[in-house]
């Protein structure tokens, strides 16, 4: 069994060998890079700083010149490398597809340099406030449906959102790409804990917690050779597809979908279509 904690040395070596030393240095130094720039005639992009907990974080907003998915907007969360590699490619692809977007860099959101862990109650309150701010900044009303998409560390944010009824208000569905086994930024709490969450000393155990999720559509897109959780193991942990849950297995070399990027993008588009066919969720509070 490979976890984030036990595979850091191995993943660092693979990242150096397969992606290159520059990306590794950027990731280790916490440099999140720039998400995207405007594309004339297609979309406008703007990077702003918004309040999150007791500080500010950068959020990249993308608005299409011509709306192609009215009634929906996407919140996207990167992996640990910020706006590099698959995260940058996925966000750019979503912008080209005409979605209204809010992009979050997971290193900025989680402030990993502080090495803090948070209770489920704290995590829920933080993200509820952030999602409400994003909705206001994008100018969408309470009838617009949010779709949350994330890669690797960002997929953990996606999974937590799917697990939490408070965060699901106004949400159409979620897509977790390269989903790992646990999220160590969520810590156990003393006293009463929400029964559907499995949290131990390693953090939030994602797959057991997802097993209890009902009432929302969740898609997981996983590489067949992901060194955290291979697609075959993800299938064992999630079980068969249901009307509310789908797994897409992408034939690829590694966690970052080497050799399988085209299929990854195609599966992402299919998962979005599947979510958008669902009846509208309960409107968000104004």
Protein backbone atom coordinates (compact mmCIF):
# COMPACT_ATOMS: atom_id res chain seq x y z
CA UNK A 1 0.00 0.00 0.00
CA UNK A 2 1.47 3.35 -1.07
CA UNK A 3 0.50 6.58 0.67
CA UNK A 4 1.63 10.15 0.18
CA UNK A 5 3.82 9.90 3.27
CA UNK A 6 5.58 6.66 2.32
CA UNK A 7 6.13 7.47 -1.35
CA UNK A 8 7.56 11.00 -1.23
CA UNK A 9 11.10 9.85 -2.05
CA UNK A 10 9.93 7.57 -4.85
CA UNK A 11 7.58 10.15 -6.35
CA UNK A 12 10.31 12.78 -6.19
CA UNK A 13 12.66 10.55 -8.15
CA UNK A 14 10.01 9.77 -10.76
CA UNK A 15 9.14 13.43 -11.08
CA UNK A 16 12.79 14.30 -11.64
CA UNK A 17 13.27 11.53 -14.17
CA UNK A 18 10.03 11.90 -16.11
CA UNK A 19 9.10 15.55 -15.87
CA UNK A 20 12.44 17.25 -15.35
CA UNK A 21 14.40 19.03 -12.67
CA UNK A 22 12.81 22.42 -13.26
CA UNK A 23 9.33 21.23 -12.37
CA UNK A 24 10.66 19.42 -9.31
CA UNK A 25 12.37 22.54 -8.03
CA UNK A 26 9.21 24.58 -8.57
CA UNK A 27 7.12 22.05 -6.68
CA UNK A 28 9.52 21.77 -3.75
CA UNK A 29 9.83 25.51 -3.36
CA UNK A 30 6.07 25.92 -3.35
CA UNK A 31 5.99 28.03 -6.51
CA UNK A 32 2.44 27.73 -7.84
CA UNK A 33 3.00 29.59 -11.10
CA UNK A 34 0.33 31.32 -13.17
CA UNK A 35 -2.85 29.48 -14.08
CA UNK A 36 -3.70 30.91 -17.49
CA UNK A 37 -3.84 34.13 -19.49
CA UNK A 38 -6.70 35.53 -21.53
CA UNK A 39 -7.21 34.22 -25.06
CA UNK A 40 -8.61 36.83 -27.43
CA UNK A 41 -12.06 35.93 -28.72
CA UNK A 42 -12.30 32.85 -26.51
CA UNK A 43 -12.10 33.75 -22.80
CA UNK A 44 -10.97 36.41 -20.36
CA UNK A 45 -8.80 35.42 -17.38
CA UNK A 46 -8.18 37.44 -14.23
CA UNK A 47 -6.16 36.60 -11.13
CA UNK A 48 -7.38 38.14 -7.88
CA UNK A 49 -6.66 37.63 -4.20
CA UNK A 50 -9.52 36.59 -1.92
CA UNK A 51 -9.83 36.12 1.83
CA UNK A 52 -9.40 32.54 3.03
CA UNK A 53 -9.11 31.76 6.73
CA UNK A 54 -6.81 34.44 8.18
CA UNK A 55 -4.98 35.31 4.95
CA UNK A 56 -5.47 35.82 1.22
CA UNK A 57 -5.03 33.33 -1.60
CA UNK A 58 -4.92 33.85 -5.39
CA UNK A 59 -7.93 32.70 -7.40
CA UNK A 60 -7.95 32.69 -11.20
CA UNK A 61 -11.32 33.49 -12.77
CA UNK A 62 -12.06 32.60 -16.39
CA UNK A 63 -15.13 33.85 -18.22
CA UNK A 64 -15.88 32.67 -21.77
CA UNK A 65 -16.56 35.28 -24.42
CA UNK A 66 -19.53 33.19 -25.49
CA UNK A 67 -21.18 31.01 -22.85
CA UNK A 68 -21.32 27.38 -23.96
CA UNK A 69 -22.46 25.83 -20.65
CA UNK A 70 -25.11 28.18 -19.28
CA UNK A 71 -26.17 27.44 -15.72
CA UNK A 72 -22.86 25.81 -14.73
CA UNK A 73 -19.51 26.93 -13.42
CA UNK A 74 -16.45 24.90 -12.41
CA UNK A 75 -14.16 25.25 -9.41
CA UNK A 76 -10.82 23.59 -10.23
CA UNK A 77 -8.11 22.67 -7.69
CA UNK A 78 -4.54 21.81 -8.74
CA UNK A 79 -2.17 19.17 -7.46
CA UNK A 80 0.79 19.84 -5.16
CA UNK A 81 2.81 21.26 -8.06
CA UNK A 82 0.42 24.17 -8.52
CA UNK A 83 -0.08 25.43 -12.06
CA UNK A 84 2.27 23.02 -13.80
CA UNK A 85 1.96 19.76 -15.73
CA UNK A 86 -1.47 18.08 -15.75
CA UNK A 87 -3.12 20.79 -13.63
CA UNK A 88 -2.25 23.52 -16.14
CA UNK A 89 -3.29 21.32 -19.07
CA UNK A 90 -6.62 20.40 -17.49
CA UNK A 91 -7.49 23.99 -16.58
CA UNK A 92 -6.58 25.23 -20.06
CA UNK A 93 -8.70 22.48 -21.61
CA UNK A 94 -11.71 23.47 -19.50
CA UNK A 95 -11.26 27.12 -20.52
CA UNK A 96 -11.12 26.13 -24.19
CA UNK A 97 -14.33 24.14 -23.70
CA UNK A 98 -16.13 27.36 -22.79
CA UNK A 99 -16.67 26.87 -19.06
CA UNK A 100 -16.84 29.65 -16.50
CA UNK A 101 -14.04 28.78 -14.09
CA UNK A 102 -12.45 29.52 -10.74
CA UNK A 103 -8.96 28.06 -10.39
CA UNK A 104 -7.36 27.29 -7.02
CA UNK A 105 -3.74 26.33 -6.41
CA UNK A 106 -3.77 23.62 -3.73
CA UNK A 107 -0.38 24.67 -2.24
CA UNK A 108 -1.80 28.16 -1.71
CA UNK A 109 -5.13 26.93 -0.34
CA UNK A 110 -3.62 24.41 2.08
CA UNK A 111 -0.63 26.61 2.98
CA UNK A 112 1.53 23.51 3.30
CA UNK A 113 4.51 25.50 4.58
CA UNK A 114 2.59 26.03 7.83
CA UNK A 115 2.25 22.24 8.28
CA UNK A 116 -1.11 22.62 10.00
CA UNK A 117 -3.91 20.07 10.09
CA UNK A 118 -7.57 20.95 10.39
CA UNK A 119 -10.67 19.36 11.82
CA UNK A 120 -13.52 18.43 9.46
CA UNK A 121 -15.57 21.29 10.95
CA UNK A 122 -12.84 23.81 10.14
CA UNK A 123 -12.37 22.47 6.61
CA UNK A 124 -16.11 22.65 5.92
CA UNK A 125 -16.45 26.23 7.15
CA UNK A 126 -13.38 27.37 5.20
CA UNK A 127 -14.58 25.92 1.89
CA UNK A 128 -18.20 26.98 2.35
CA UNK A 129 -17.03 30.59 2.69
CA UNK A 130 -14.65 30.26 -0.26
CA UNK A 131 -17.29 28.76 -2.57
CA UNK A 132 -19.73 31.53 -1.63
CA UNK A 133 -17.10 34.17 -2.46
CA UNK A 134 -16.35 32.50 -5.81
CA UNK A 135 -20.03 32.49 -6.70
CA UNK A 136 -20.27 36.22 -5.93
CA UNK A 137 -17.11 37.09 -7.83
CA UNK A 138 -18.23 35.19 -10.93
CA UNK A 139 -21.59 36.95 -10.77
CA UNK A 140 -23.65 33.76 -10.93
CA UNK A 141 -26.97 33.56 -9.12
CA UNK A 142 -28.23 30.87 -6.77
CA UNK A 143 -29.68 28.81 -9.64
CA UNK A 144 -26.24 28.22 -11.22
CA UNK A 145 -24.81 24.78 -10.50
CA UNK A 146 -21.22 24.29 -9.34
CA UNK A 147 -19.04 21.41 -10.53
CA UNK A 148 -15.85 20.80 -8.53
CA UNK A 149 -12.89 19.27 -10.41
CA UNK A 150 -9.43 18.56 -9.04
CA UNK A 151 -6.16 16.78 -9.77
CA UNK A 152 -4.21 14.74 -7.18
CA UNK A 153 -4.17 16.91 -4.03
CA UNK A 154 -6.98 18.86 -5.63
CA UNK A 155 -8.88 15.60 -6.08
CA UNK A 156 -8.81 15.23 -2.29
CA UNK A 157 -10.54 18.61 -2.05
CA UNK A 158 -13.07 17.35 -4.59
CA UNK A 159 -13.69 14.19 -2.56
CA UNK A 160 -14.17 16.12 0.67
CA UNK A 161 -16.66 18.41 -1.05
CA UNK A 162 -18.63 15.40 -2.29
CA UNK A 163 -18.70 13.94 1.23
CA UNK A 164 -20.11 17.04 2.87
CA UNK A 165 -23.84 17.90 2.63
CA UNK A 166 -23.21 21.56 3.48
CA UNK A 167 -20.73 21.94 0.62
CA UNK A 168 -22.97 20.08 -1.83
CA UNK A 169 -25.69 22.76 -1.72
CA UNK A 170 -25.81 24.30 -5.20
CA UNK A 171 -23.46 21.65 -6.59
CA UNK A 172 -24.22 19.45 -9.62
CA UNK A 173 -21.35 16.99 -9.15
CA UNK A 174 -17.64 16.40 -8.71
CA UNK A 175 -14.73 14.96 -10.72
CA UNK A 176 -11.66 13.63 -8.90
CA UNK A 177 -8.63 13.02 -11.14
CA UNK A 178 -5.71 10.94 -9.82
CA UNK A 179 -7.39 10.42 -6.46
CA UNK A 180 -5.07 9.34 -3.67
CA UNK A 181 -5.80 7.23 -0.61
CA UNK A 182 -5.80 9.82 2.16
CA UNK A 183 -5.75 13.55 2.86
CA UNK A 184 -3.38 14.25 5.75
CA UNK A 185 -4.42 17.89 6.16
CA UNK A 186 -7.65 16.67 7.82
CA UNK A 187 -6.97 15.55 11.39
CA UNK A 188 -8.98 13.43 13.82
CA UNK A 189 -11.16 15.27 16.30
CA UNK A 190 -12.11 14.46 19.85
CA UNK A 191 -15.75 14.10 20.75
CA UNK A 192 -18.56 13.69 18.26
CA UNK A 193 -17.52 13.21 14.62
CA UNK A 194 -19.66 12.96 11.51
CA UNK A 195 -20.16 9.22 11.12
CA UNK A 196 -19.75 9.12 7.34
CA UNK A 197 -16.13 10.34 7.56
CA UNK A 198 -13.29 7.94 8.24
CA UNK A 199 -10.45 9.91 9.85
CA UNK A 200 -7.43 8.40 11.59
CA UNK A 201 -3.87 9.44 12.46
CA UNK A 202 -2.96 9.41 8.74
CA UNK A 203 -5.77 11.85 7.97
CA UNK A 204 -9.05 11.54 6.08
CA UNK A 205 -9.35 8.08 4.51
CA UNK A 206 -10.90 9.02 1.20
CA UNK A 207 -12.24 5.80 -0.31
CA UNK A 208 -14.03 4.48 2.79
CA UNK A 209 -15.56 7.92 3.32
CA UNK A 210 -16.76 8.11 -0.31
CA UNK A 211 -18.55 4.78 0.09
CA UNK A 212 -21.14 6.53 2.28
CA UNK A 213 -21.79 9.41 -0.14
CA UNK A 214 -25.28 9.61 -1.63
CA UNK A 215 -27.23 12.28 -3.44
CA UNK A 216 -24.52 13.64 -5.77
CA UNK A 217 -22.72 12.53 -8.90
CA UNK A 218 -19.04 11.70 -8.51
CA UNK A 219 -16.64 10.69 -11.28
CA UNK A 220 -13.13 9.38 -10.57
CA UNK A 221 -10.55 9.35 -13.38
CA UNK A 222 -7.57 7.16 -12.56
CA UNK A 223 -4.39 6.05 -14.34
CA UNK A 224 -3.85 2.31 -14.73
CA UNK A 225 -0.31 2.78 -13.38
CA UNK A 226 -0.84 5.45 -10.73
CA UNK A 227 1.75 4.73 -8.02
CA UNK A 228 -0.61 5.94 -5.29
CA UNK A 229 -3.77 4.05 -6.31
CA UNK A 230 -3.95 2.18 -9.60
CA UNK A 231 -7.23 2.24 -11.50
CA UNK A 232 -7.81 -1.46 -10.77
CA UNK A 233 -7.45 -0.87 -7.03
CA UNK A 234 -9.65 2.20 -7.26
CA UNK A 235 -12.31 -0.03 -8.80
CA UNK A 236 -12.02 -2.48 -5.90
CA UNK A 237 -12.34 0.33 -3.37
CA UNK A 238 -15.22 2.15 -5.08
CA UNK A 239 -17.13 -0.89 -6.28
CA UNK A 240 -19.15 -1.04 -9.51
CA UNK A 241 -20.47 2.05 -11.26
CA UNK A 242 -23.83 3.30 -10.05
CA UNK A 243 -26.24 6.02 -11.23
CA UNK A 244 -24.30 8.42 -8.95
CA UNK A 245 -20.71 7.17 -9.28
CA UNK A 246 -18.42 6.40 -12.21
CA UNK A 247 -14.80 5.34 -12.55
CA UNK A 248 -12.81 6.04 -15.71
CA UNK A 249 -9.63 3.95 -16.09
CA UNK A 250 -7.05 5.62 -18.34
CA UNK A 251 -4.23 3.55 -19.81
CA UNK A 252 -1.23 5.65 -18.77
CA UNK A 253 2.29 5.25 -17.41
CA UNK A 254 2.01 7.07 -14.09
CA UNK A 255 0.20 9.40 -11.68
CA UNK A 256 0.43 12.31 -14.14
CA UNK A 257 -1.13 10.32 -17.00
CA UNK A 258 2.00 10.02 -19.12
CA UNK A 259 1.03 8.62 -22.53
CA UNK A 260 -2.69 8.99 -21.77
CA UNK A 261 -3.40 12.73 -21.79
CA UNK A 262 -5.73 12.66 -24.81
CA UNK A 263 -7.87 9.94 -23.22
CA UNK A 264 -7.82 11.85 -19.92
CA UNK A 265 -9.25 14.94 -21.61
CA UNK A 266 -11.86 12.89 -23.45
CA UNK A 267 -12.96 11.18 -20.24
CA UNK A 268 -13.14 14.54 -18.47
CA UNK A 269 -15.48 15.83 -21.17
CA UNK A 270 -17.64 12.70 -20.88
CA UNK A 271 -17.83 13.01 -17.08
CA UNK A 272 -18.91 16.64 -17.39
CA UNK A 273 -21.64 15.74 -19.87
CA UNK A 274 -22.85 13.03 -17.49
CA UNK A 275 -23.01 15.46 -14.57
CA UNK A 276 -24.73 18.15 -16.63
CA UNK A 277 -27.53 15.76 -17.62
CA UNK A 278 -28.57 15.42 -13.98
CA UNK A 279 -31.55 17.36 -12.68
CA UNK A 280 -30.68 20.72 -11.12
CA UNK A 281 -29.53 20.51 -7.48
CA UNK A 282 -31.01 22.48 -4.61
CA UNK A 283 -30.23 26.19 -5.26
CA UNK A 284 -27.46 27.78 -3.23
CA UNK A 285 -28.33 30.33 -0.59
CA UNK A 286 -28.33 33.88 -2.05
